[in-house]
Amino acid sequence: MSGFWPTLPSTPLSRQRILKNIPDNEIKSWLQKQNYPADYFNIQLVKAYRTQINSQLTRSAYTKKLTTGYNIIFVLMLPFNALILFPFLYRKKIFYYDAMIFTVHINTWIPLFQALWMWVLVVMMGFLHAPESVFLSIPIINAAYYFLH
């Protein structure tokens, strides 16, 4: 499962302390020294981890701050998402206001469904020994929902 969900390396805390002050251009070499993939996603994960450990906030306060930022972006992007969908929905005689409601619907129910579906996939991998490629069903289901709805 490591190919789909990057996590920080399992290294002793003493080796992770260097992450607190590591410059961006040295993250890749640090990951390689730990025998961990030094791809884009892992580098971004280390940067996010560095931001968290350098923060004066507790972990729950940091998570709340991050979540609040995502919520604000979500609300600000709703009209833009509705504007993008409007030309497609107008053919079905759906106006901008209705496109906005549809956007709220999509952006609320799809993440909830995905969260449940990911648990099902993890159980399938754990107990039925399904391959990691079952996670590719997520974008396929999303595309089918967008096109059929």
N, C-alpha and C. Protein backbone atom coordinates (compact mmCIF):
# COMPACT_ATOMS: atom_id res chain seq x y z
N MET A 1 0.81 -1.18 0.00
CA MET A 1 0.00 0.00 0.00
C MET A 1 0.86 1.26 0.00
N SER A 2 2.13 1.14 0.18
CA SER A 2 3.00 2.31 0.24
C SER A 2 3.05 3.06 -1.08
N GLY A 3 2.75 2.41 -2.19
CA GLY A 3 2.78 3.08 -3.48
C GLY A 3 1.67 4.10 -3.64
N PHE A 4 0.56 3.93 -2.93
CA PHE A 4 -0.58 4.83 -3.06
C PHE A 4 -0.61 5.89 -1.97
N TRP A 5 -0.19 5.56 -0.77
CA TRP A 5 -0.30 6.47 0.36
C TRP A 5 1.08 6.68 0.97
N PRO A 6 1.81 7.71 0.55
CA PRO A 6 3.15 7.92 1.10
C PRO A 6 3.08 8.31 2.57
N THR A 7 4.01 7.79 3.34
CA THR A 7 4.12 8.13 4.75
C THR A 7 5.57 8.45 5.04
N LEU A 8 5.82 9.08 6.16
CA LEU A 8 7.20 9.37 6.54
C LEU A 8 7.93 8.07 6.85
N PRO A 9 9.23 8.07 6.62
CA PRO A 9 10.01 6.86 6.88
C PRO A 9 9.95 6.46 8.35
N SER A 10 10.08 5.16 8.57
CA SER A 10 10.17 4.65 9.94
C SER A 10 11.62 4.76 10.36
N THR A 11 11.97 5.90 10.89
CA THR A 11 13.34 6.15 11.33
C THR A 11 13.30 6.60 12.78
N PRO A 12 14.40 6.38 13.49
CA PRO A 12 14.45 6.82 14.90
C PRO A 12 14.25 8.34 15.00
N LEU A 13 13.74 8.76 16.13
CA LEU A 13 13.47 10.17 16.37
C LEU A 13 14.73 11.01 16.23
N SER A 14 15.86 10.47 16.62
CA SER A 14 17.12 11.22 16.53
C SER A 14 17.46 11.57 15.08
N ARG A 15 17.11 10.69 14.14
CA ARG A 15 17.36 10.98 12.72
C ARG A 15 16.31 11.92 12.14
N GLN A 16 15.11 11.92 12.74
CA GLN A 16 14.06 12.80 12.23
C GLN A 16 14.23 14.23 12.73
N ARG A 17 15.03 14.44 13.76
CA ARG A 17 15.24 15.80 14.29
C ARG A 17 15.87 16.71 13.25
N ILE A 18 16.62 16.15 12.33
CA ILE A 18 17.23 16.97 11.28
C ILE A 18 16.17 17.63 10.40
N LEU A 19 14.98 17.04 10.34
CA LEU A 19 13.91 17.58 9.51
C LEU A 19 13.43 18.95 9.99
N LYS A 20 13.66 19.24 11.25
CA LYS A 20 13.19 20.51 11.80
C LYS A 20 13.82 21.71 11.09
N ASN A 21 15.07 21.58 10.69
CA ASN A 21 15.78 22.71 10.07
C ASN A 21 16.33 22.39 8.68
N ILE A 22 15.92 21.29 8.09
CA ILE A 22 16.49 20.89 6.80
C ILE A 22 16.03 21.83 5.68
N PRO A 23 16.96 22.29 4.84
CA PRO A 23 16.55 23.11 3.70
C PRO A 23 15.84 22.26 2.64
N ASP A 24 15.03 22.90 1.82
CA ASP A 24 14.26 22.19 0.80
C ASP A 24 15.14 21.37 -0.14
N ASN A 25 16.29 21.91 -0.49
CA ASN A 25 17.14 21.21 -1.46
C ASN A 25 17.85 19.98 -0.89
N GLU A 26 17.77 19.75 0.42
CA GLU A 26 18.41 18.59 1.04
C GLU A 26 17.42 17.49 1.43
N ILE A 27 16.14 17.73 1.24
CA ILE A 27 15.13 16.74 1.63
C ILE A 27 15.28 15.46 0.81
N LYS A 28 15.52 15.62 -0.47
CA LYS A 28 15.64 14.45 -1.35
C LYS A 28 16.80 13.56 -0.90
N SER A 29 17.94 14.16 -0.61
CA SER A 29 19.09 13.35 -0.18
C SER A 29 18.83 12.71 1.19
N TRP A 30 18.11 13.41 2.09
CA TRP A 30 17.78 12.81 3.38
C TRP A 30 16.91 11.58 3.19
N LEU A 31 15.90 11.68 2.30
CA LEU A 31 15.04 10.53 2.03
C LEU A 31 15.85 9.37 1.46
N GLN A 32 16.77 9.66 0.58
CA GLN A 32 17.59 8.60 -0.03
C GLN A 32 18.48 7.94 1.02
N LYS A 33 19.02 8.72 1.97
CA LYS A 33 19.84 8.15 3.04
C LYS A 33 19.03 7.20 3.92
N GLN A 34 17.74 7.47 4.05
CA GLN A 34 16.87 6.62 4.86
C GLN A 34 16.33 5.44 4.05
N ASN A 35 16.81 5.29 2.80
CA ASN A 35 16.33 4.23 1.89
C ASN A 35 14.83 4.33 1.65
N TYR A 36 14.39 5.54 1.41
CA TYR A 36 12.98 5.79 1.16
C TYR A 36 12.84 6.50 -0.18
N PRO A 37 11.77 6.27 -0.91
CA PRO A 37 11.62 6.92 -2.22
C PRO A 37 11.68 8.43 -2.10
N ALA A 38 12.43 9.04 -2.97
CA ALA A 38 12.60 10.50 -2.94
C ALA A 38 11.81 11.13 -4.07
N ASP A 39 10.57 10.70 -4.24
CA ASP A 39 9.74 11.27 -5.30
C ASP A 39 9.05 12.54 -4.80
N TYR A 40 8.30 13.16 -5.68
CA TYR A 40 7.65 14.44 -5.39
C TYR A 40 6.74 14.36 -4.17
N PHE A 41 5.93 13.31 -4.08
CA PHE A 41 4.96 13.21 -2.99
C PHE A 41 5.63 13.07 -1.63
N ASN A 42 6.69 12.29 -1.56
CA ASN A 42 7.39 12.12 -0.29
C ASN A 42 8.11 13.40 0.12
N ILE A 43 8.64 14.14 -0.85
CA ILE A 43 9.28 15.42 -0.55
C ILE A 43 8.25 16.39 0.01
N GLN A 44 7.06 16.44 -0.60
CA GLN A 44 6.00 17.32 -0.11
C GLN A 44 5.53 16.89 1.28
N LEU A 45 5.51 15.59 1.52
CA LEU A 45 5.11 15.08 2.83
C LEU A 45 6.10 15.51 3.90
N VAL A 46 7.39 15.46 3.59
CA VAL A 46 8.41 15.90 4.55
C VAL A 46 8.28 17.40 4.80
N LYS A 47 8.00 18.17 3.75
CA LYS A 47 7.81 19.62 3.93
C LYS A 47 6.62 19.90 4.85
N ALA A 48 5.53 19.16 4.66
CA ALA A 48 4.35 19.35 5.51
C ALA A 48 4.67 18.94 6.95
N TYR A 49 5.41 17.85 7.11
CA TYR A 49 5.79 17.40 8.44
C TYR A 49 6.69 18.44 9.11
N ARG A 50 7.61 19.01 8.36
CA ARG A 50 8.50 20.04 8.89
C ARG A 50 7.70 21.26 9.36
N THR A 51 6.71 21.66 8.59
CA THR A 51 5.86 22.78 8.99
C THR A 51 5.14 22.47 10.28
N GLN A 52 4.65 21.25 10.41
CA GLN A 52 3.92 20.87 11.62
C GLN A 52 4.82 20.84 12.84
N ILE A 53 6.01 20.25 12.72
CA ILE A 53 6.87 20.14 13.90
C ILE A 53 7.49 21.48 14.28
N ASN A 54 7.57 22.42 13.33
CA ASN A 54 8.09 23.75 13.65
C ASN A 54 7.01 24.69 14.18
N SER A 55 5.77 24.26 14.13
CA SER A 55 4.67 25.08 14.61
C SER A 55 4.64 25.07 16.14
N GLN A 56 4.23 26.19 16.71
CA GLN A 56 4.10 26.28 18.17
C GLN A 56 2.77 25.71 18.64
N LEU A 57 1.89 25.38 17.70
CA LEU A 57 0.57 24.87 18.05
C LEU A 57 0.63 23.39 18.42
N THR A 58 -0.34 22.96 19.21
CA THR A 58 -0.45 21.53 19.48
C THR A 58 -0.93 20.84 18.20
N ARG A 59 -0.85 19.53 18.15
CA ARG A 59 -1.25 18.80 16.95
C ARG A 59 -2.73 19.03 16.63
N SER A 60 -3.58 19.01 17.65
CA SER A 60 -5.02 19.22 17.40
C SER A 60 -5.29 20.65 16.95
N ALA A 61 -4.60 21.64 17.53
CA ALA A 61 -4.79 23.03 17.11
C ALA A 61 -4.28 23.23 15.69
N TYR A 62 -3.17 22.59 15.35
CA TYR A 62 -2.62 22.69 13.99
C TYR A 62 -3.59 22.06 12.98
N THR A 63 -4.15 20.91 13.32
CA THR A 63 -5.11 20.24 12.44
C THR A 63 -6.36 21.10 12.27
N LYS A 64 -6.82 21.71 13.36
CA LYS A 64 -8.00 22.58 13.28
C LYS A 64 -7.72 23.78 12.39
N LYS A 65 -6.55 24.37 12.50
CA LYS A 65 -6.18 25.51 11.66
C LYS A 65 -6.14 25.11 10.19
N LEU A 66 -5.56 23.96 9.92
CA LEU A 66 -5.47 23.47 8.55
C LEU A 66 -6.86 23.17 8.00
N THR A 67 -7.70 22.55 8.78
CA THR A 67 -9.05 22.22 8.36
C THR A 67 -9.87 23.49 8.10
N THR A 68 -9.70 24.49 8.93
CA THR A 68 -10.40 25.76 8.74
C THR A 68 -10.01 26.38 7.41
N GLY A 69 -8.74 26.32 7.08
CA GLY A 69 -8.29 26.84 5.78
C GLY A 69 -8.92 26.10 4.62
N TYR A 70 -8.99 24.79 4.72
CA TYR A 70 -9.63 23.99 3.66
C TYR A 70 -11.11 24.33 3.54
N ASN A 71 -11.78 24.54 4.66
CA ASN A 71 -13.20 24.89 4.62
C ASN A 71 -13.42 26.23 3.93
N ILE A 72 -12.57 27.19 4.20
CA ILE A 72 -12.70 28.51 3.56
C ILE A 72 -12.49 28.38 2.06
N ILE A 73 -11.47 27.63 1.67
CA ILE A 73 -11.23 27.42 0.23
C ILE A 73 -12.41 26.71 -0.41
N PHE A 74 -12.98 25.73 0.28
CA PHE A 74 -14.14 25.00 -0.23
C PHE A 74 -15.30 25.96 -0.53
N VAL A 75 -15.61 26.82 0.42
CA VAL A 75 -16.73 27.75 0.25
C VAL A 75 -16.43 28.76 -0.85
N LEU A 76 -15.21 29.25 -0.92
CA LEU A 76 -14.86 30.24 -1.95
C LEU A 76 -14.85 29.63 -3.35
N MET A 77 -14.57 28.34 -3.45
CA MET A 77 -14.50 27.70 -4.76
C MET A 77 -15.86 27.22 -5.28
N LEU A 78 -16.88 27.19 -4.44
CA LEU A 78 -18.20 26.71 -4.89
C LEU A 78 -18.73 27.50 -6.09
N PRO A 79 -18.74 28.83 -6.06
CA PRO A 79 -19.24 29.55 -7.24
C PRO A 79 -18.42 29.27 -8.49
N PHE A 80 -17.12 29.13 -8.33
CA PHE A 80 -16.26 28.84 -9.48
C PHE A 80 -16.55 27.45 -10.04
N ASN A 81 -16.72 26.47 -9.17
CA ASN A 81 -17.07 25.12 -9.62
C ASN A 81 -18.41 25.11 -10.33
N ALA A 82 -19.38 25.85 -9.79
CA ALA A 82 -20.70 25.93 -10.42
C ALA A 82 -20.59 26.59 -11.79
N LEU A 83 -19.73 27.59 -11.90
CA LEU A 83 -19.54 28.26 -13.19
C LEU A 83 -18.93 27.32 -14.23
N ILE A 84 -18.03 26.47 -13.79
CA ILE A 84 -17.43 25.48 -14.71
C ILE A 84 -18.47 24.46 -15.16
N LEU A 85 -19.31 24.01 -14.23
CA LEU A 85 -20.34 23.02 -14.57
C LEU A 85 -21.52 23.61 -15.33
N PHE A 86 -21.75 24.91 -15.20
CA PHE A 86 -22.93 25.54 -15.77
C PHE A 86 -23.15 25.26 -17.26
N PRO A 87 -22.14 25.38 -18.14
CA PRO A 87 -22.40 25.10 -19.56
C PRO A 87 -22.88 23.68 -19.82
N PHE A 88 -22.38 22.73 -19.05
CA PHE A 88 -22.80 21.34 -19.23
C PHE A 88 -24.21 21.11 -18.70
N LEU A 89 -24.52 21.74 -17.57
CA LEU A 89 -25.83 21.55 -16.96
C LEU A 89 -26.91 22.37 -17.65
N TYR A 90 -26.53 23.46 -18.32
CA TYR A 90 -27.51 24.31 -19.01
C TYR A 90 -28.21 23.54 -20.12
N ARG A 91 -27.50 22.61 -20.73
CA ARG A 91 -28.11 21.78 -21.78
C ARG A 91 -29.28 20.97 -21.24
N LYS A 92 -29.24 20.68 -19.95
CA LYS A 92 -30.33 19.94 -19.30
C LYS A 92 -31.35 20.90 -18.67
N LYS A 93 -31.29 22.17 -19.06
CA LYS A 93 -32.18 23.22 -18.54
C LYS A 93 -31.97 23.47 -17.05
N ILE A 94 -30.72 23.36 -16.62
CA ILE A 94 -30.38 23.64 -15.23
C ILE A 94 -29.64 24.98 -15.21
N PHE A 95 -30.12 25.92 -14.41
CA PHE A 95 -29.56 27.26 -14.37
C PHE A 95 -28.42 27.35 -13.34
N TYR A 96 -27.81 28.54 -13.27
CA TYR A 96 -26.63 28.70 -12.42
C TYR A 96 -26.94 28.38 -10.95
N TYR A 97 -28.07 28.85 -10.44
CA TYR A 97 -28.43 28.57 -9.05
C TYR A 97 -28.51 27.06 -8.81
N ASP A 98 -29.11 26.36 -9.75
CA ASP A 98 -29.22 24.91 -9.64
C ASP A 98 -27.83 24.26 -9.76
N ALA A 99 -26.97 24.84 -10.60
CA ALA A 99 -25.61 24.33 -10.73
C ALA A 99 -24.86 24.50 -9.41
N MET A 100 -25.14 25.59 -8.70
CA MET A 100 -24.50 25.81 -7.40
C MET A 100 -24.96 24.74 -6.40
N ILE A 101 -26.24 24.44 -6.39
CA ILE A 101 -26.76 23.40 -5.50
C ILE A 101 -26.16 22.04 -5.87
N PHE A 102 -26.06 21.76 -7.16
CA PHE A 102 -25.47 20.51 -7.62
C PHE A 102 -24.01 20.43 -7.18
N THR A 103 -23.29 21.55 -7.25
CA THR A 103 -21.89 21.58 -6.83
C THR A 103 -21.75 21.27 -5.34
N VAL A 104 -22.64 21.85 -4.53
CA VAL A 104 -22.61 21.55 -3.09
C VAL A 104 -22.88 20.06 -2.88
N HIS A 105 -23.84 19.54 -3.62
CA HIS A 105 -24.18 18.12 -3.53
C HIS A 105 -22.96 17.25 -3.87
N ILE A 106 -22.33 17.54 -4.99
CA ILE A 106 -21.16 16.76 -5.42
C ILE A 106 -20.03 16.84 -4.40
N ASN A 107 -19.74 18.07 -3.95
CA ASN A 107 -18.61 18.26 -3.05
C ASN A 107 -18.89 17.81 -1.62
N THR A 108 -20.11 17.43 -1.33
CA THR A 108 -20.43 16.90 -0.01
C THR A 108 -20.51 15.38 -0.02
N TRP A 109 -21.24 14.82 -0.97
CA TRP A 109 -21.50 13.39 -0.96
C TRP A 109 -20.35 12.56 -1.50
N ILE A 110 -19.64 13.05 -2.49
CA ILE A 110 -18.54 12.25 -3.05
C ILE A 110 -17.44 12.01 -2.00
N PRO A 111 -16.97 13.01 -1.24
CA PRO A 111 -15.96 12.70 -0.22
C PRO A 111 -16.46 11.72 0.84
N LEU A 112 -17.73 11.82 1.22
CA LEU A 112 -18.27 10.87 2.19
C LEU A 112 -18.28 9.46 1.61
N PHE A 113 -18.74 9.34 0.38
CA PHE A 113 -18.74 8.03 -0.28
C PHE A 113 -17.32 7.49 -0.42
N GLN A 114 -16.38 8.36 -0.82
CA GLN A 114 -15.00 7.92 -0.99
C GLN A 114 -14.40 7.43 0.32
N ALA A 115 -14.70 8.11 1.41
CA ALA A 115 -14.18 7.68 2.71
C ALA A 115 -14.66 6.26 3.04
N LEU A 116 -15.94 6.02 2.83
CA LEU A 116 -16.48 4.68 3.08
C LEU A 116 -15.89 3.66 2.12
N TRP A 117 -15.80 4.03 0.85
CA TRP A 117 -15.29 3.11 -0.16
C TRP A 117 -13.83 2.76 0.11
N MET A 118 -13.03 3.70 0.60
CA MET A 118 -11.63 3.41 0.90
C MET A 118 -11.51 2.39 2.02
N TRP A 119 -12.39 2.48 3.02
CA TRP A 119 -12.38 1.48 4.09
C TRP A 119 -12.73 0.10 3.53
N VAL A 120 -13.69 0.06 2.62
CA VAL A 120 -14.04 -1.23 1.99
C VAL A 120 -12.84 -1.78 1.23
N LEU A 121 -12.14 -0.92 0.50
CA LEU A 121 -10.98 -1.36 -0.27
C LEU A 121 -9.85 -1.85 0.64
N VAL A 122 -9.64 -1.15 1.75
CA VAL A 122 -8.60 -1.57 2.70
C VAL A 122 -8.94 -2.95 3.28
N VAL A 123 -10.20 -3.16 3.61
CA VAL A 123 -10.64 -4.46 4.13
C VAL A 123 -10.44 -5.53 3.05
N MET A 124 -10.79 -5.19 1.80
CA MET A 124 -10.59 -6.15 0.70
C MET A 124 -9.11 -6.51 0.56
N MET A 125 -8.24 -5.53 0.70
CA MET A 125 -6.81 -5.80 0.58
C MET A 125 -6.31 -6.62 1.76
N GLY A 126 -6.81 -6.31 2.96
CA GLY A 126 -6.35 -6.99 4.16
C GLY A 126 -6.83 -8.42 4.28
N PHE A 127 -8.10 -8.66 3.98
CA PHE A 127 -8.67 -9.98 4.20
C PHE A 127 -8.78 -10.81 2.92
N LEU A 128 -9.04 -10.16 1.81
CA LEU A 128 -9.20 -10.90 0.55
C LEU A 128 -7.94 -10.85 -0.31
N HIS A 129 -6.92 -10.17 0.19
CA HIS A 129 -5.63 -10.04 -0.50
C HIS A 129 -5.79 -9.47 -1.91
N ALA A 130 -6.67 -8.48 -2.04
CA ALA A 130 -6.87 -7.80 -3.33
C ALA A 130 -5.62 -6.96 -3.63
N PRO A 131 -5.31 -6.76 -4.90
CA PRO A 131 -4.13 -5.96 -5.25
C PRO A 131 -4.38 -4.47 -4.97
N GLU A 132 -3.29 -3.71 -4.89
CA GLU A 132 -3.40 -2.27 -4.63
C GLU A 132 -4.15 -1.56 -5.75
N SER A 133 -4.20 -2.15 -6.91
CA SER A 133 -4.85 -1.51 -8.05
C SER A 133 -6.36 -1.35 -7.85
N VAL A 134 -6.94 -1.97 -6.82
CA VAL A 134 -8.37 -1.77 -6.56
C VAL A 134 -8.67 -0.31 -6.24
N PHE A 135 -7.65 0.45 -5.79
CA PHE A 135 -7.85 1.86 -5.50
C PHE A 135 -8.11 2.66 -6.79
N LEU A 136 -7.79 2.09 -7.93
CA LEU A 136 -8.09 2.78 -9.19
C LEU A 136 -9.59 2.82 -9.46
N SER A 137 -10.36 2.08 -8.70
CA SER A 137 -11.82 2.13 -8.86
C SER A 137 -12.38 3.48 -8.42
N ILE A 138 -11.66 4.21 -7.57
CA ILE A 138 -12.17 5.49 -7.06
C ILE A 138 -12.35 6.51 -8.19
N PRO A 139 -11.33 6.80 -9.02
CA PRO A 139 -11.57 7.78 -10.09
C PRO A 139 -12.56 7.27 -11.13
N ILE A 140 -12.62 5.96 -11.33
CA ILE A 140 -13.59 5.41 -12.29
C ILE A 140 -15.01 5.62 -11.79
N ILE A 141 -15.25 5.38 -10.52
CA ILE A 141 -16.58 5.60 -9.94
C ILE A 141 -16.95 7.08 -9.98
N ASN A 142 -15.97 7.95 -9.67
CA ASN A 142 -16.24 9.40 -9.73
C ASN A 142 -16.62 9.83 -11.14
N ALA A 143 -15.88 9.37 -12.14
CA ALA A 143 -16.18 9.73 -13.52
C ALA A 143 -17.56 9.24 -13.93
N ALA A 144 -17.90 8.03 -13.54
CA ALA A 144 -19.22 7.48 -13.88
C ALA A 144 -20.32 8.31 -13.22
N TYR A 145 -20.09 8.74 -11.98
CA TYR A 145 -21.09 9.54 -11.28
C TYR A 145 -21.30 10.88 -11.98
N TYR A 146 -20.19 11.53 -12.38
CA TYR A 146 -20.29 12.83 -13.05
C TYR A 146 -21.03 12.72 -14.39
N PHE A 147 -20.72 11.66 -15.15
CA PHE A 147 -21.30 11.53 -16.47
C PHE A 147 -22.74 11.05 -16.45
N LEU A 148 -23.11 10.25 -15.47
CA LEU A 148 -24.46 9.69 -15.43
C LEU A 148 -25.45 10.55 -14.65
N HIS A 149 -24.96 11.43 -13.83
CA HIS A 149 -25.87 12.23 -13.02
C HIS A 149 -26.43 13.40 -13.79
